Amino acid sequence: MIVHYISKIVTPIVVFILFSLVCLQLNSAYANPKVLMETTKGDITIELYEKEAPKTVKNFLSYVSEGFYNNLIFHRVIKDFMIQGGGFDTEMRQKDPKAPIKNEARRGLGNKRGTLAMARTNVINSATAQFFINLVNNDFLNHTDNTSRGFGYAVFGEVIDGMDVVDSIARVKTGIFNGFRDVPKEPIIIKNVSIIE
């Protein structure tokens, strides 16, 4: 009798615990990757939208895993627009990136404040390693058509912590350095980028 009573109580508890563990496992299996970007101005945590921009996220994470971004700078800062990094060192020497990737701008993510997008040239599929963080809603950078100008810039993540750091970077004084415009007068160094989740 006591054994039967105990088993009636314990069985549902065990089932509940097992169900909870399975749910937690499934949730973590489908969670978006997150990276921590440590800069000389502070830390920025970014969630990457793997489902919406799979090729772009895979590309970015490959650079992160290889330590490509470490000790590069935010080399282009334009107030009320965006901050750009991931390509140059403190002397404005460009680091050699991998081959360009397909532009995923038409997958539906908009260039809103705090989002991370791939920088590119006028060639639609020219993005490699450089990225930018939108300081404001830049709707004109979204996909509107298949022309070079209208194709847009692929958003693949968003700042989830450290937007105050991004804003502090946006306020630095800039000028011309080695022929490049909008370069911070005091280098903003990306000390390390690591996958945290």
N, C-alpha and C. Protein backbone atom coordinates (compact mmCIF):
# COMPACT_ATOMS: atom_id res chain seq x y z
N MET A 1 0.82 -1.20 0.00
CA MET A 1 0.00 0.00 0.00
C MET A 1 0.87 1.26 0.00
N ILE A 2 1.85 1.32 0.89
CA ILE A 2 2.73 2.49 0.97
C ILE A 2 3.54 2.62 -0.31
N VAL A 3 4.03 1.48 -0.83
CA VAL A 3 4.82 1.48 -2.07
C VAL A 3 3.97 2.02 -3.22
N HIS A 4 2.75 1.58 -3.30
CA HIS A 4 1.83 2.04 -4.35
C HIS A 4 1.59 3.56 -4.23
N TYR A 5 1.39 4.03 -3.01
CA TYR A 5 1.17 5.46 -2.75
C TYR A 5 2.39 6.29 -3.16
N ILE A 6 3.59 5.81 -2.77
CA ILE A 6 4.84 6.52 -3.10
C ILE A 6 5.03 6.56 -4.61
N SER A 7 4.76 5.43 -5.28
CA SER A 7 4.96 5.39 -6.74
C SER A 7 3.98 6.33 -7.45
N LYS A 8 2.77 6.52 -6.90
CA LYS A 8 1.80 7.47 -7.48
C LYS A 8 2.30 8.91 -7.38
N ILE A 9 3.04 9.21 -6.33
CA ILE A 9 3.57 10.56 -6.13
C ILE A 9 4.86 10.77 -6.92
N VAL A 10 5.74 9.77 -6.85
CA VAL A 10 7.07 9.91 -7.44
C VAL A 10 7.02 9.88 -8.97
N THR A 11 6.22 9.03 -9.55
CA THR A 11 6.18 8.89 -11.02
C THR A 11 5.86 10.21 -11.71
N PRO A 12 4.81 10.94 -11.32
CA PRO A 12 4.55 12.22 -11.99
C PRO A 12 5.69 13.23 -11.81
N ILE A 13 6.34 13.20 -10.67
CA ILE A 13 7.45 14.13 -10.41
C ILE A 13 8.61 13.81 -11.35
N VAL A 14 8.93 12.52 -11.45
CA VAL A 14 10.02 12.09 -12.34
C VAL A 14 9.69 12.45 -13.79
N VAL A 15 8.46 12.20 -14.21
CA VAL A 15 8.04 12.53 -15.58
C VAL A 15 8.16 14.03 -15.82
N PHE A 16 7.73 14.83 -14.85
CA PHE A 16 7.82 16.29 -14.98
C PHE A 16 9.27 16.75 -15.11
N ILE A 17 10.14 16.20 -14.28
CA ILE A 17 11.57 16.58 -14.33
C ILE A 17 12.17 16.20 -15.67
N LEU A 18 11.90 15.00 -16.15
CA LEU A 18 12.43 14.56 -17.45
C LEU A 18 11.90 15.44 -18.59
N PHE A 19 10.62 15.77 -18.54
CA PHE A 19 10.02 16.63 -19.56
C PHE A 19 10.68 18.01 -19.55
N SER A 20 10.91 18.54 -18.35
CA SER A 20 11.56 19.85 -18.23
C SER A 20 12.97 19.83 -18.80
N LEU A 21 13.72 18.77 -18.52
CA LEU A 21 15.08 18.65 -19.05
C LEU A 21 15.09 18.57 -20.57
N VAL A 22 14.15 17.82 -21.14
CA VAL A 22 14.05 17.72 -22.61
C VAL A 22 13.73 19.08 -23.20
N CYS A 23 12.81 19.81 -22.59
CA CYS A 23 12.46 21.15 -23.08
C CYS A 23 13.65 22.09 -23.02
N LEU A 24 14.40 22.04 -21.92
CA LEU A 24 15.59 22.88 -21.80
C LEU A 24 16.61 22.54 -22.88
N GLN A 25 16.78 21.26 -23.14
CA GLN A 25 17.74 20.81 -24.15
C GLN A 25 17.30 21.29 -25.53
N LEU A 26 16.01 21.16 -25.84
CA LEU A 26 15.50 21.61 -27.14
C LEU A 26 15.64 23.11 -27.28
N ASN A 27 15.35 23.84 -26.21
CA ASN A 27 15.46 25.29 -26.24
C ASN A 27 16.90 25.73 -26.51
N SER A 28 17.86 25.09 -25.84
CA SER A 28 19.25 25.48 -26.08
C SER A 28 19.73 25.04 -27.45
N ALA A 29 19.17 23.95 -27.97
CA ALA A 29 19.56 23.49 -29.31
C ALA A 29 19.11 24.48 -30.39
N TYR A 30 18.00 25.18 -30.14
CA TYR A 30 17.47 26.12 -31.12
C TYR A 30 17.76 27.58 -30.78
N ALA A 31 18.52 27.82 -29.73
CA ALA A 31 18.85 29.19 -29.34
C ALA A 31 19.82 29.80 -30.33
N ASN A 32 19.67 31.08 -30.57
CA ASN A 32 20.60 31.79 -31.45
C ASN A 32 21.97 31.88 -30.81
N PRO A 33 23.04 31.78 -31.63
CA PRO A 33 24.38 31.98 -31.06
C PRO A 33 24.56 33.42 -30.59
N LYS A 34 25.41 33.59 -29.60
CA LYS A 34 25.72 34.93 -29.08
C LYS A 34 27.24 35.08 -29.03
N VAL A 35 27.69 36.30 -29.30
CA VAL A 35 29.12 36.60 -29.21
C VAL A 35 29.34 37.79 -28.30
N LEU A 36 30.50 37.79 -27.67
CA LEU A 36 30.92 38.91 -26.84
C LEU A 36 32.05 39.61 -27.57
N MET A 37 31.85 40.91 -27.84
CA MET A 37 32.87 41.73 -28.49
C MET A 37 33.45 42.67 -27.44
N GLU A 38 34.70 42.42 -27.10
CA GLU A 38 35.38 43.25 -26.09
C GLU A 38 36.15 44.35 -26.82
N THR A 39 35.85 45.60 -26.50
CA THR A 39 36.51 46.73 -27.15
C THR A 39 37.18 47.61 -26.10
N THR A 40 37.98 48.54 -26.56
CA THR A 40 38.62 49.48 -25.63
C THR A 40 37.61 50.46 -25.03
N LYS A 41 36.39 50.46 -25.52
CA LYS A 41 35.33 51.31 -24.96
C LYS A 41 34.37 50.53 -24.07
N GLY A 42 34.52 49.20 -24.04
CA GLY A 42 33.61 48.37 -23.25
C GLY A 42 33.15 47.16 -24.05
N ASP A 43 32.30 46.37 -23.42
CA ASP A 43 31.83 45.12 -24.03
C ASP A 43 30.48 45.27 -24.72
N ILE A 44 30.35 44.53 -25.83
CA ILE A 44 29.11 44.51 -26.60
C ILE A 44 28.72 43.04 -26.80
N THR A 45 27.49 42.69 -26.39
CA THR A 45 27.00 41.32 -26.59
C THR A 45 26.02 41.35 -27.76
N ILE A 46 26.23 40.41 -28.69
CA ILE A 46 25.46 40.38 -29.92
C ILE A 46 24.80 39.02 -30.09
N GLU A 47 23.50 39.03 -30.36
CA GLU A 47 22.78 37.80 -30.72
C GLU A 47 22.76 37.70 -32.23
N LEU A 48 23.08 36.52 -32.76
CA LEU A 48 23.15 36.31 -34.20
C LEU A 48 21.91 35.56 -34.68
N TYR A 49 21.33 36.01 -35.80
CA TYR A 49 20.10 35.42 -36.32
C TYR A 49 20.41 34.35 -37.36
N GLU A 50 20.72 33.17 -36.82
CA GLU A 50 21.17 32.05 -37.64
C GLU A 50 20.09 31.56 -38.60
N LYS A 51 18.85 31.52 -38.14
CA LYS A 51 17.75 31.03 -39.00
C LYS A 51 17.49 31.99 -40.15
N GLU A 52 17.50 33.29 -39.85
CA GLU A 52 17.17 34.29 -40.87
C GLU A 52 18.33 34.59 -41.83
N ALA A 53 19.55 34.44 -41.36
CA ALA A 53 20.73 34.75 -42.21
C ALA A 53 21.80 33.68 -42.01
N PRO A 54 21.52 32.44 -42.41
CA PRO A 54 22.42 31.32 -42.09
C PRO A 54 23.83 31.44 -42.67
N LYS A 55 23.93 31.86 -43.93
CA LYS A 55 25.25 31.95 -44.57
C LYS A 55 26.08 33.07 -43.94
N THR A 56 25.42 34.17 -43.65
CA THR A 56 26.12 35.33 -43.07
C THR A 56 26.60 35.02 -41.66
N VAL A 57 25.76 34.38 -40.86
CA VAL A 57 26.14 34.01 -39.49
C VAL A 57 27.28 32.99 -39.52
N LYS A 58 27.18 32.00 -40.40
CA LYS A 58 28.26 31.01 -40.52
C LYS A 58 29.58 31.68 -40.88
N ASN A 59 29.53 32.63 -41.81
CA ASN A 59 30.72 33.38 -42.23
C ASN A 59 31.31 34.16 -41.05
N PHE A 60 30.45 34.92 -40.35
CA PHE A 60 30.90 35.73 -39.21
C PHE A 60 31.52 34.86 -38.12
N LEU A 61 30.85 33.75 -37.79
CA LEU A 61 31.36 32.87 -36.74
C LEU A 61 32.68 32.22 -37.13
N SER A 62 32.89 31.99 -38.42
CA SER A 62 34.18 31.41 -38.84
C SER A 62 35.31 32.41 -38.59
N TYR A 63 35.05 33.69 -38.85
CA TYR A 63 36.04 34.73 -38.55
C TYR A 63 36.28 34.83 -37.04
N VAL A 64 35.19 34.76 -36.27
CA VAL A 64 35.31 34.83 -34.81
C VAL A 64 36.15 33.66 -34.29
N SER A 65 35.85 32.45 -34.76
CA SER A 65 36.56 31.25 -34.29
C SER A 65 38.05 31.30 -34.59
N GLU A 66 38.40 31.97 -35.69
CA GLU A 66 39.81 32.06 -36.09
C GLU A 66 40.53 33.25 -35.43
N GLY A 67 39.81 34.06 -34.67
CA GLY A 67 40.43 35.22 -34.03
C GLY A 67 40.72 36.35 -35.00
N PHE A 68 40.05 36.34 -36.16
CA PHE A 68 40.31 37.33 -37.21
C PHE A 68 40.10 38.76 -36.73
N TYR A 69 39.05 38.99 -35.95
CA TYR A 69 38.69 40.36 -35.54
C TYR A 69 39.55 40.91 -34.40
N ASN A 70 40.23 40.03 -33.71
CA ASN A 70 41.01 40.47 -32.54
C ASN A 70 42.09 41.47 -32.95
N ASN A 71 42.10 42.61 -32.26
CA ASN A 71 43.05 43.70 -32.47
C ASN A 71 42.82 44.50 -33.75
N LEU A 72 41.67 44.31 -34.38
CA LEU A 72 41.27 45.22 -35.46
C LEU A 72 40.51 46.39 -34.81
N ILE A 73 40.06 47.33 -35.63
CA ILE A 73 39.43 48.54 -35.07
C ILE A 73 38.07 48.82 -35.69
N PHE A 74 37.33 49.70 -35.03
CA PHE A 74 36.18 50.34 -35.67
C PHE A 74 36.79 51.50 -36.46
N HIS A 75 36.87 51.33 -37.77
CA HIS A 75 37.62 52.28 -38.61
C HIS A 75 36.75 53.36 -39.24
N ARG A 76 35.43 53.22 -39.15
CA ARG A 76 34.54 54.19 -39.78
C ARG A 76 33.39 54.46 -38.81
N VAL A 77 33.32 55.69 -38.33
CA VAL A 77 32.29 56.07 -37.37
C VAL A 77 31.59 57.31 -37.88
N ILE A 78 30.28 57.18 -38.14
CA ILE A 78 29.49 58.31 -38.63
C ILE A 78 28.30 58.49 -37.69
N LYS A 79 28.31 59.60 -36.97
CA LYS A 79 27.26 59.91 -36.00
C LYS A 79 25.89 59.87 -36.68
N ASP A 80 24.91 59.35 -35.96
CA ASP A 80 23.53 59.23 -36.45
C ASP A 80 23.42 58.35 -37.70
N PHE A 81 24.37 57.45 -37.88
CA PHE A 81 24.31 56.52 -39.01
C PHE A 81 24.77 55.13 -38.57
N MET A 82 26.08 54.91 -38.44
CA MET A 82 26.57 53.59 -38.08
C MET A 82 28.04 53.64 -37.68
N ILE A 83 28.50 52.53 -37.03
CA ILE A 83 29.93 52.35 -36.76
C ILE A 83 30.35 51.07 -37.49
N GLN A 84 31.49 51.11 -38.16
CA GLN A 84 31.93 49.99 -38.99
C GLN A 84 33.29 49.48 -38.54
N GLY A 85 33.45 48.17 -38.55
CA GLY A 85 34.73 47.57 -38.16
C GLY A 85 34.94 46.22 -38.82
N GLY A 86 36.03 45.57 -38.38
CA GLY A 86 36.28 44.22 -38.83
C GLY A 86 37.16 44.07 -40.05
N GLY A 87 37.90 45.13 -40.42
CA GLY A 87 38.73 45.01 -41.61
C GLY A 87 40.12 45.60 -41.52
N PHE A 88 40.32 46.57 -40.60
CA PHE A 88 41.58 47.31 -40.57
C PHE A 88 42.21 47.29 -39.19
N ASP A 89 43.56 47.42 -39.18
CA ASP A 89 44.28 47.55 -37.92
C ASP A 89 44.46 49.03 -37.59
N THR A 90 45.18 49.34 -36.54
CA THR A 90 45.33 50.72 -36.07
C THR A 90 46.08 51.62 -37.06
N GLU A 91 46.81 51.03 -37.99
CA GLU A 91 47.52 51.81 -39.02
C GLU A 91 46.73 51.89 -40.32
N MET A 92 45.48 51.42 -40.27
CA MET A 92 44.58 51.38 -41.44
C MET A 92 45.13 50.47 -42.55
N ARG A 93 45.78 49.39 -42.11
CA ARG A 93 46.18 48.34 -43.05
C ARG A 93 45.06 47.31 -43.05
N GLN A 94 44.58 46.97 -44.24
CA GLN A 94 43.47 46.02 -44.35
C GLN A 94 43.97 44.59 -44.17
N LYS A 95 43.24 43.83 -43.36
CA LYS A 95 43.56 42.43 -43.15
C LYS A 95 42.90 41.62 -44.26
N ASP A 96 43.60 40.61 -44.78
CA ASP A 96 43.08 39.81 -45.90
C ASP A 96 41.92 38.94 -45.45
N PRO A 97 40.73 39.16 -46.06
CA PRO A 97 39.57 38.34 -45.69
C PRO A 97 39.46 37.10 -46.59
N LYS A 98 38.46 36.29 -46.32
CA LYS A 98 38.14 35.13 -47.15
C LYS A 98 37.33 35.62 -48.36
N ALA A 99 36.88 34.66 -49.15
CA ALA A 99 36.07 34.97 -50.34
C ALA A 99 34.74 35.62 -49.93
N PRO A 100 34.19 36.47 -50.81
CA PRO A 100 32.89 37.10 -50.52
C PRO A 100 31.77 36.07 -50.39
N ILE A 101 30.71 36.49 -49.72
CA ILE A 101 29.54 35.61 -49.51
C ILE A 101 28.31 36.18 -50.21
N LYS A 102 27.29 35.34 -50.33
CA LYS A 102 26.02 35.75 -50.94
C LYS A 102 25.30 36.71 -50.00
N ASN A 103 24.76 37.76 -50.56
CA ASN A 103 24.04 38.78 -49.80
C ASN A 103 22.66 38.26 -49.41
N GLU A 104 22.39 38.21 -48.11
CA GLU A 104 21.11 37.72 -47.61
C GLU A 104 20.17 38.85 -47.18
N ALA A 105 20.33 40.02 -47.78
CA ALA A 105 19.52 41.18 -47.37
C ALA A 105 18.04 40.99 -47.62
N ARG A 106 17.66 40.17 -48.57
CA ARG A 106 16.23 40.04 -48.86
C ARG A 106 15.52 39.00 -47.99
N ARG A 107 16.17 38.57 -46.93
CA ARG A 107 15.57 37.56 -46.05
C ARG A 107 14.67 38.18 -44.97
N GLY A 108 14.49 39.51 -45.01
CA GLY A 108 13.47 40.13 -44.17
C GLY A 108 13.89 40.89 -42.94
N LEU A 109 15.17 40.85 -42.57
CA LEU A 109 15.60 41.60 -41.39
C LEU A 109 15.94 43.03 -41.79
N GLY A 110 15.45 43.99 -41.01
CA GLY A 110 15.67 45.40 -41.33
C GLY A 110 16.86 46.00 -40.61
N ASN A 111 17.43 47.04 -41.22
CA ASN A 111 18.55 47.77 -40.62
C ASN A 111 18.03 48.78 -39.60
N LYS A 112 17.61 48.26 -38.45
CA LYS A 112 17.10 49.13 -37.39
C LYS A 112 18.20 49.38 -36.37
N ARG A 113 17.97 50.34 -35.51
CA ARG A 113 18.96 50.69 -34.48
C ARG A 113 19.41 49.46 -33.70
N GLY A 114 20.73 49.29 -33.58
CA GLY A 114 21.29 48.19 -32.81
C GLY A 114 21.53 46.91 -33.57
N THR A 115 21.10 46.87 -34.83
CA THR A 115 21.34 45.65 -35.61
C THR A 115 22.74 45.65 -36.21
N LEU A 116 23.22 44.46 -36.46
CA LEU A 116 24.53 44.22 -37.06
C LEU A 116 24.31 43.78 -38.50
N ALA A 117 25.01 44.41 -39.44
CA ALA A 117 24.86 44.07 -40.86
C ALA A 117 26.23 43.98 -41.51
N MET A 118 26.27 43.31 -42.66
CA MET A 118 27.52 43.17 -43.40
C MET A 118 27.77 44.39 -44.27
N ALA A 119 28.99 44.88 -44.21
CA ALA A 119 29.42 45.97 -45.11
C ALA A 119 29.75 45.34 -46.46
N ARG A 120 29.60 46.11 -47.51
CA ARG A 120 29.93 45.62 -48.86
C ARG A 120 30.27 46.79 -49.76
N THR A 121 30.74 46.47 -50.96
CA THR A 121 30.99 47.49 -51.97
C THR A 121 29.72 47.65 -52.80
N ASN A 122 29.81 48.29 -53.96
CA ASN A 122 28.65 48.40 -54.85
C ASN A 122 28.26 47.07 -55.48
N VAL A 123 29.13 46.08 -55.39
CA VAL A 123 28.82 44.74 -55.89
C VAL A 123 27.94 44.05 -54.85
N ILE A 124 26.79 43.53 -55.27
CA ILE A 124 25.81 42.97 -54.34
C ILE A 124 26.39 41.89 -53.44
N ASN A 125 27.10 40.94 -54.02
CA ASN A 125 27.64 39.81 -53.26
C ASN A 125 29.13 40.00 -52.96
N SER A 126 29.47 41.10 -52.31
CA SER A 126 30.88 41.41 -52.07
C SER A 126 31.27 41.43 -50.59
N ALA A 127 30.34 41.15 -49.70
CA ALA A 127 30.65 41.18 -48.26
C ALA A 127 31.63 40.08 -47.88
N THR A 128 32.59 40.42 -47.03
CA THR A 128 33.56 39.43 -46.56
C THR A 128 33.57 39.41 -45.02
N ALA A 129 34.39 40.26 -44.41
CA ALA A 129 34.53 40.25 -42.95
C ALA A 129 33.97 41.50 -42.27
N GLN A 130 33.96 42.62 -42.99
CA GLN A 130 33.56 43.88 -42.35
C GLN A 130 32.06 43.92 -42.06
N PHE A 131 31.74 44.53 -40.94
CA PHE A 131 30.36 44.63 -40.48
C PHE A 131 30.13 46.04 -39.95
N PHE A 132 28.88 46.38 -39.74
CA PHE A 132 28.56 47.66 -39.09
C PHE A 132 27.39 47.48 -38.16
N ILE A 133 27.32 48.38 -37.18
CA ILE A 133 26.20 48.41 -36.23
C ILE A 133 25.43 49.69 -36.50
N ASN A 134 24.14 49.55 -36.77
CA ASN A 134 23.28 50.70 -37.05
C ASN A 134 23.03 51.51 -35.77
N LEU A 135 23.26 52.81 -35.86
CA LEU A 135 23.03 53.71 -34.71
C LEU A 135 21.59 54.21 -34.67
N VAL A 136 20.94 54.19 -35.82
CA VAL A 136 19.54 54.62 -35.96
C VAL A 136 18.86 53.64 -36.90
N ASN A 137 17.55 53.80 -37.08
CA ASN A 137 16.86 52.99 -38.08
C ASN A 137 17.25 53.48 -39.47
N ASN A 138 17.99 52.66 -40.20
CA ASN A 138 18.47 53.01 -41.54
C ASN A 138 17.69 52.22 -42.59
N ASP A 139 16.41 52.57 -42.73
CA ASP A 139 15.53 51.83 -43.64
C ASP A 139 16.02 51.86 -45.08
N PHE A 140 16.74 52.90 -45.47
CA PHE A 140 17.22 53.00 -46.84
C PHE A 140 18.28 51.93 -47.16
N LEU A 141 18.78 51.23 -46.12
CA LEU A 141 19.74 50.15 -46.34
C LEU A 141 19.07 48.78 -46.49
N ASN A 142 17.74 48.75 -46.38
CA ASN A 142 17.00 47.50 -46.50
C ASN A 142 16.82 47.11 -47.97
N HIS A 143 16.53 45.84 -48.17
CA HIS A 143 16.30 45.33 -49.53
C HIS A 143 15.00 45.90 -50.10
N THR A 144 15.09 46.50 -51.30
CA THR A 144 13.89 47.00 -51.99
C THR A 144 13.77 46.44 -53.40
N ASP A 145 14.90 46.16 -54.04
CA ASP A 145 14.89 45.58 -55.39
C ASP A 145 16.22 44.89 -55.65
N ASN A 146 16.42 44.40 -56.87
CA ASN A 146 17.61 43.62 -57.18
C ASN A 146 18.74 44.42 -57.82
N THR A 147 18.64 45.75 -57.77
CA THR A 147 19.73 46.58 -58.29
C THR A 147 20.83 46.66 -57.22
N SER A 148 21.99 47.14 -57.61
CA SER A 148 23.09 47.27 -56.66
C SER A 148 22.70 48.17 -55.48
N ARG A 149 22.04 49.27 -55.78
CA ARG A 149 21.64 50.22 -54.74
C ARG A 149 20.48 49.69 -53.90
N GLY A 150 19.54 49.03 -54.55
CA GLY A 150 18.32 48.59 -53.87
C GLY A 150 18.41 47.25 -53.17
N PHE A 151 19.47 46.48 -53.46
CA PHE A 151 19.53 45.13 -52.89
C PHE A 151 19.65 45.17 -51.37
N GLY A 152 20.35 46.15 -50.86
CA GLY A 152 20.43 46.33 -49.41
C GLY A 152 21.63 45.66 -48.77
N TYR A 153 21.67 45.77 -47.44
CA TYR A 153 22.76 45.28 -46.63
C TYR A 153 22.21 44.23 -45.66
N ALA A 154 22.84 43.07 -45.64
CA ALA A 154 22.32 41.92 -44.89
C ALA A 154 22.48 42.08 -43.39
N VAL A 155 21.37 42.17 -42.71
CA VAL A 155 21.35 42.17 -41.24
C VAL A 155 21.45 40.71 -40.77
N PHE A 156 22.29 40.48 -39.76
CA PHE A 156 22.45 39.10 -39.28
C PHE A 156 22.53 39.00 -37.77
N GLY A 157 22.34 40.10 -37.07
CA GLY A 157 22.38 40.05 -35.62
C GLY A 157 21.94 41.36 -35.00
N GLU A 158 21.96 41.38 -33.67
CA GLU A 158 21.53 42.58 -32.95
C GLU A 158 22.24 42.67 -31.60
N VAL A 159 22.56 43.89 -31.23
CA VAL A 159 23.17 44.13 -29.90
C VAL A 159 22.10 43.90 -28.85
N ILE A 160 22.39 42.99 -27.91
CA ILE A 160 21.43 42.73 -26.83
C ILE A 160 21.93 43.27 -25.49
N ASP A 161 23.20 43.66 -25.46
CA ASP A 161 23.75 44.31 -24.27
C ASP A 161 24.97 45.12 -24.70
N GLY A 162 25.07 46.34 -24.22
CA GLY A 162 26.22 47.17 -24.57
C GLY A 162 25.92 48.23 -25.61
N MET A 163 24.65 48.55 -25.82
CA MET A 163 24.33 49.62 -26.78
C MET A 163 24.87 50.96 -26.29
N ASP A 164 25.04 51.09 -24.98
CA ASP A 164 25.67 52.30 -24.44
C ASP A 164 27.13 52.41 -24.90
N VAL A 165 27.79 51.27 -25.06
CA VAL A 165 29.16 51.24 -25.57
C VAL A 165 29.18 51.66 -27.03
N VAL A 166 28.23 51.12 -27.79
CA VAL A 166 28.10 51.49 -29.21
C VAL A 166 27.90 53.00 -29.34
N ASP A 167 27.00 53.54 -28.52
CA ASP A 167 26.73 54.99 -28.56
C ASP A 167 27.95 55.81 -28.15
N SER A 168 28.75 55.30 -27.22
CA SER A 168 29.95 56.03 -26.83
C SER A 168 30.98 56.02 -27.97
N ILE A 169 31.04 54.93 -28.72
CA ILE A 169 31.92 54.88 -29.89
C ILE A 169 31.44 55.90 -30.93
N ALA A 170 30.14 56.01 -31.07
CA ALA A 170 29.56 56.93 -32.06
C ALA A 170 29.88 58.39 -31.77
N ARG A 171 30.20 58.70 -30.51
CA ARG A 171 30.46 60.09 -30.12
C ARG A 171 31.93 60.50 -30.24
N VAL A 172 32.83 59.60 -30.61
CA VAL A 172 34.25 59.95 -30.65
C VAL A 172 34.54 60.91 -31.80
N LYS A 173 35.62 61.67 -31.67
CA LYS A 173 36.05 62.58 -32.74
C LYS A 173 36.69 61.77 -33.85
N THR A 174 36.38 62.15 -35.08
CA THR A 174 36.91 61.44 -36.24
C THR A 174 37.61 62.41 -37.18
N GLY A 175 38.35 61.85 -38.12
CA GLY A 175 39.05 62.68 -39.11
C GLY A 175 39.53 61.81 -40.26
N ILE A 176 40.47 62.35 -41.02
CA ILE A 176 41.06 61.61 -42.14
C ILE A 176 42.38 61.01 -41.68
N PHE A 177 42.57 59.72 -41.98
CA PHE A 177 43.80 59.04 -41.60
C PHE A 177 44.21 58.10 -42.73
N ASN A 178 45.42 58.27 -43.25
CA ASN A 178 45.93 57.45 -44.36
C ASN A 178 44.96 57.40 -45.54
N GLY A 179 44.31 58.52 -45.81
CA GLY A 179 43.41 58.61 -46.95
C GLY A 179 41.99 58.16 -46.68
N PHE A 180 41.69 57.70 -45.48
CA PHE A 180 40.35 57.24 -45.13
C PHE A 180 39.63 58.30 -44.29
N ARG A 181 38.35 58.50 -44.59
CA ARG A 181 37.53 59.47 -43.85
C ARG A 181 36.81 58.80 -42.69
N ASP A 182 36.35 59.61 -41.74
CA ASP A 182 35.52 59.16 -40.61
C ASP A 182 36.23 58.16 -39.70
N VAL A 183 37.55 58.26 -39.62
CA VAL A 183 38.34 57.37 -38.77
C VAL A 183 38.47 57.99 -37.38
N PRO A 184 38.16 57.23 -36.32
CA PRO A 184 38.33 57.78 -34.96
C PRO A 184 39.76 58.26 -34.72
N LYS A 185 39.89 59.44 -34.13
CA LYS A 185 41.22 60.00 -33.86
C LYS A 185 41.97 59.15 -32.84
N GLU A 186 41.24 58.58 -31.90
CA GLU A 186 41.82 57.63 -30.96
C GLU A 186 41.27 56.25 -31.34
N PRO A 187 42.15 55.31 -31.69
CA PRO A 187 41.65 54.00 -32.18
C PRO A 187 40.71 53.30 -31.20
N ILE A 188 39.60 52.79 -31.73
CA ILE A 188 38.68 51.98 -30.95
C ILE A 188 38.98 50.53 -31.33
N ILE A 189 39.69 49.85 -30.46
CA ILE A 189 40.19 48.50 -30.79
C ILE A 189 39.20 47.42 -30.35
N ILE A 190 39.00 46.47 -31.26
CA ILE A 190 38.25 45.26 -30.95
C ILE A 190 39.28 44.31 -30.34
N LYS A 191 39.31 44.21 -29.03
CA LYS A 191 40.34 43.42 -28.37
C LYS A 191 40.14 41.92 -28.58
N ASN A 192 38.89 41.49 -28.54
CA ASN A 192 38.60 40.06 -28.66
C ASN A 192 37.12 39.88 -28.99
N VAL A 193 36.83 38.89 -29.83
CA VAL A 193 35.45 38.50 -30.08
C VAL A 193 35.37 37.00 -29.81
N SER A 194 34.43 36.59 -28.97
CA SER A 194 34.32 35.18 -28.63
C SER A 194 32.87 34.73 -28.62
N ILE A 195 32.67 33.45 -28.91
CA ILE A 195 31.33 32.86 -28.88
C ILE A 195 31.03 32.53 -27.42
N ILE A 196 29.90 33.04 -26.92
CA ILE A 196 29.57 32.80 -25.51
C ILE A 196 28.36 31.88 -25.36
N GLU A 197 27.64 31.61 -26.43
CA GLU A 197 26.48 30.73 -26.35
C GLU A 197 26.18 30.14 -27.70
